[in-house]
Amino acid sequence: MTNVTMVRIYIKEGDKVQGHDLMREIFHLLHEQHRVRGVTVFRGVAGFGSKGEVHADDLLRMTVHLPLVLEFFDDAAKVAAVLPTIQSMVPAGHVIWWQANCATPTP
């Protein structure tokens, strides 16, 4: 078993950072700059945040900003190196992380 840090980032479709798509910027940061083990992006069908505004996928809404969850894991040092940048890109309280165990492949 290997100890890893799991990270989950909550944003919405259409969120921007410095005029660029936030999801793509975070994805690029994790893939190209920090080369984390892997990233998965989940697209929600509905959600609401601290303001209580509901974002849902339905035919009556033409512009929907559905919830997105980016999730990744890596060793604690690599996660600690990238977290400050991510936290500066997303609103406070939208990044959570925890320790987990990862099964290592047997030779």
C-alpha atoms as a PDB file:
ATOM      1  CA  MET A   1       0.000   0.000   0.000  1.00  0.00           C
ATOM      2  CA  THR A   2       1.072   3.536  -0.784  1.00  0.00           C
ATOM      3  CA  ASN A   3      -0.201   6.638   1.013  1.00  0.00           C
ATOM      4  CA  VAL A   4      -1.633   9.251  -1.355  1.00  0.00           C
ATOM      5  CA  THR A   5      -3.551  12.499  -1.099  1.00  0.00           C
ATOM      6  CA  MET A   6      -6.917  12.674  -2.885  1.00  0.00           C
ATOM      7  CA  VAL A   7      -8.095  16.075  -4.084  1.00  0.00           C
ATOM      8  CA  ARG A   8     -11.576  17.090  -5.222  1.00  0.00           C
ATOM      9  CA  ILE A   9     -12.264  20.487  -6.837  1.00  0.00           C
ATOM     10  CA  TYR A  10     -15.811  21.843  -7.257  1.00  0.00           C
ATOM     11  CA  ILE A  11     -16.459  24.349 -10.068  1.00  0.00           C
ATOM     12  CA  LYS A  12     -19.108  25.063 -12.747  1.00  0.00           C
ATOM     13  CA  GLU A  13     -19.082  24.918 -16.514  1.00  0.00           C
ATOM     14  CA  GLY A  14     -18.201  28.304 -17.894  1.00  0.00           C
ATOM     15  CA  ASP A  15     -16.167  29.419 -14.857  1.00  0.00           C
ATOM     16  CA  LYS A  16     -13.238  31.556 -15.956  1.00  0.00           C
ATOM     17  CA  VAL A  17      -9.813  32.429 -14.610  1.00  0.00           C
ATOM     18  CA  GLN A  18      -8.073  35.377 -16.257  1.00  0.00           C
ATOM     19  CA  GLY A  19     -10.453  35.049 -19.218  1.00  0.00           C
ATOM     20  CA  HIS A  20      -9.728  31.343 -19.783  1.00  0.00           C
ATOM     21  CA  ASP A  21     -11.878  28.282 -19.127  1.00  0.00           C
ATOM     22  CA  LEU A  22     -11.174  27.300 -15.515  1.00  0.00           C
ATOM     23  CA  MET A  23     -11.613  23.551 -16.003  1.00  0.00           C
ATOM     24  CA  ARG A  24      -9.142  23.520 -18.905  1.00  0.00           C
ATOM     25  CA  GLU A  25      -6.640  25.651 -16.989  1.00  0.00           C
ATOM     26  CA  ILE A  26      -6.711  23.337 -13.962  1.00  0.00           C
ATOM     27  CA  PHE A  27      -6.525  20.286 -16.223  1.00  0.00           C
ATOM     28  CA  HIS A  28      -3.507  21.743 -18.041  1.00  0.00           C
ATOM     29  CA  LEU A  29      -1.824  22.633 -14.738  1.00  0.00           C
ATOM     30  CA  LEU A  30      -2.223  19.091 -13.418  1.00  0.00           C
ATOM     31  CA  HIS A  31      -1.334  17.316 -16.681  1.00  0.00           C
ATOM     32  CA  GLU A  32       1.388  19.444 -18.254  1.00  0.00           C
ATOM     33  CA  GLN A  33       3.049  21.265 -15.374  1.00  0.00           C
ATOM     34  CA  HIS A  34       2.769  18.903 -12.417  1.00  0.00           C
ATOM     35  CA  ARG A  35       2.243  15.574 -14.193  1.00  0.00           C
ATOM     36  CA  VAL A  36      -0.014  14.121 -11.509  1.00  0.00           C
ATOM     37  CA  ARG A  37      -0.935  10.432 -11.749  1.00  0.00           C
ATOM     38  CA  GLY A  38      -4.291  11.134 -13.367  1.00  0.00           C
ATOM     39  CA  VAL A  39      -7.272  13.469 -13.379  1.00  0.00           C
ATOM     40  CA  THR A  40     -10.950  12.707 -13.826  1.00  0.00           C
ATOM     41  CA  VAL A  41     -13.573  15.353 -14.557  1.00  0.00           C
ATOM     42  CA  PHE A  42     -17.160  14.550 -13.599  1.00  0.00           C
ATOM     43  CA  ARG A  43     -20.042  16.567 -15.084  1.00  0.00           C
ATOM     44  CA  GLY A  44     -23.035  16.768 -12.808  1.00  0.00           C
ATOM     45  CA  VAL A  45     -26.641  16.812 -13.958  1.00  0.00           C
ATOM     46  CA  ALA A  46     -27.676  19.121 -11.128  1.00  0.00           C
ATOM     47  CA  GLY A  47     -26.253  20.880  -8.113  1.00  0.00           C
ATOM     48  CA  PHE A  48     -26.347  23.949  -5.909  1.00  0.00           C
ATOM     49  CA  GLY A  49     -23.780  25.830  -3.885  1.00  0.00           C
ATOM     50  CA  SER A  50     -23.684  27.996  -0.792  1.00  0.00           C
ATOM     51  CA  LYS A  51     -25.979  30.623  -2.383  1.00  0.00           C
ATOM     52  CA  GLY A  52     -28.640  27.960  -3.014  1.00  0.00           C
ATOM     53  CA  GLU A  53     -28.849  28.668  -6.752  1.00  0.00           C
ATOM     54  CA  VAL A  54     -29.801  25.443  -8.534  1.00  0.00           C
ATOM     55  CA  HIS A  55     -27.934  24.500 -11.704  1.00  0.00           C
ATOM     56  CA  ALA A  56     -29.737  21.701 -13.519  1.00  0.00           C
ATOM     57  CA  ASP A  57     -29.766  20.106 -16.941  1.00  0.00           C
ATOM     58  CA  ASP A  58     -33.224  20.575 -18.433  1.00  0.00           C
ATOM     59  CA  LEU A  59     -34.710  21.573 -21.758  1.00  0.00           C
ATOM     60  CA  LEU A  60     -36.103  24.882 -20.512  1.00  0.00           C
ATOM     61  CA  ARG A  61     -32.715  26.420 -19.829  1.00  0.00           C
ATOM     62  CA  MET A  62     -30.595  27.422 -22.778  1.00  0.00           C
ATOM     63  CA  THR A  63     -27.531  28.454 -20.791  1.00  0.00           C
ATOM     64  CA  VAL A  64     -26.710  26.033 -18.029  1.00  0.00           C
ATOM     65  CA  HIS A  65     -23.577  26.088 -15.946  1.00  0.00           C
ATOM     66  CA  LEU A  66     -23.609  22.529 -14.673  1.00  0.00           C
ATOM     67  CA  PRO A  67     -21.405  21.444 -11.785  1.00  0.00           C
ATOM     68  CA  LEU A  68     -17.990  19.987 -12.579  1.00  0.00           C
ATOM     69  CA  VAL A  69     -15.847  17.979 -10.180  1.00  0.00           C
ATOM     70  CA  LEU A  70     -12.162  17.475 -10.924  1.00  0.00           C
ATOM     71  CA  GLU A  71     -10.545  14.709  -8.908  1.00  0.00           C
ATOM     72  CA  PHE A  72      -6.943  13.574  -8.739  1.00  0.00           C
ATOM     73  CA  PHE A  73      -4.474  11.891  -6.417  1.00  0.00           C
ATOM     74  CA  ASP A  74      -0.729  11.686  -6.028  1.00  0.00           C
ATOM     75  CA  ASP A  75       1.886  11.588  -3.321  1.00  0.00           C
ATOM     76  CA  ALA A  76       1.574  14.223  -0.606  1.00  0.00           C
ATOM     77  CA  ALA A  77       4.572  16.284  -1.778  1.00  0.00           C
ATOM     78  CA  LYS A  78       3.274  16.657  -5.328  1.00  0.00           C
ATOM     79  CA  VAL A  79      -0.208  17.586  -4.120  1.00  0.00           C
ATOM     80  CA  ALA A  80       1.249  20.116  -1.675  1.00  0.00           C
ATOM     81  CA  ALA A  81       3.180  21.694  -4.555  1.00  0.00           C
ATOM     82  CA  VAL A  82       0.097  22.221  -6.738  1.00  0.00           C
ATOM     83  CA  LEU A  83      -2.589  23.032  -4.135  1.00  0.00           C
ATOM     84  CA  PRO A  84      -1.671  26.718  -3.588  1.00  0.00           C
ATOM     85  CA  THR A  85      -2.039  27.440  -7.306  1.00  0.00           C
ATOM     86  CA  ILE A  86      -5.374  25.633  -7.521  1.00  0.00           C
ATOM     87  CA  GLN A  87      -6.661  27.391  -4.403  1.00  0.00           C
ATOM     88  CA  SER A  88      -5.785  30.753  -5.956  1.00  0.00           C
ATOM     89  CA  MET A  89      -7.867  29.862  -9.043  1.00  0.00           C
ATOM     90  CA  VAL A  90     -11.129  28.717  -7.411  1.00  0.00           C
ATOM     91  CA  PRO A  91     -13.380  30.243  -4.757  1.00  0.00           C
ATOM     92  CA  ALA A  92     -12.563  29.504  -1.122  1.00  0.00           C
ATOM     93  CA  GLY A  93     -14.072  26.254   0.140  1.00  0.00           C
ATOM     94  CA  HIS A  94     -14.200  24.590  -3.291  1.00  0.00           C
ATOM     95  CA  VAL A  95     -11.163  22.345  -2.824  1.00  0.00           C
ATOM     96  CA  ILE A  96     -11.090  19.429  -0.418  1.00  0.00           C
ATOM     97  CA  TRP A  97      -8.459  16.769   0.164  1.00  0.00           C
ATOM     98  CA  TRP A  98      -7.846  13.749   2.322  1.00  0.00           C
ATOM     99  CA  GLN A  99      -5.350  10.951   2.828  1.00  0.00           C
ATOM    100  CA  ALA A 100      -6.016   7.570   1.238  1.00  0.00           C
ATOM    101  CA  ASN A 101      -4.313   4.276   0.554  1.00  0.00           C
ATOM    102  CA  CYS A 102      -3.497   3.104  -2.942  1.00  0.00           C
ATOM    103  CA  ALA A 103      -2.797  -0.518  -3.713  1.00  0.00           C
ATOM    104  CA  THR A 104       0.548  -0.895  -5.427  1.00  0.00           C
ATOM    105  CA  PRO A 105       0.892  -3.389  -8.258  1.00  0.00           C
ATOM    106  CA  THR A 106       2.466  -6.697  -7.374  1.00  0.00           C
ATOM    107  CA  PRO A 107       5.604  -7.607  -9.333  1.00  0.00           C
END
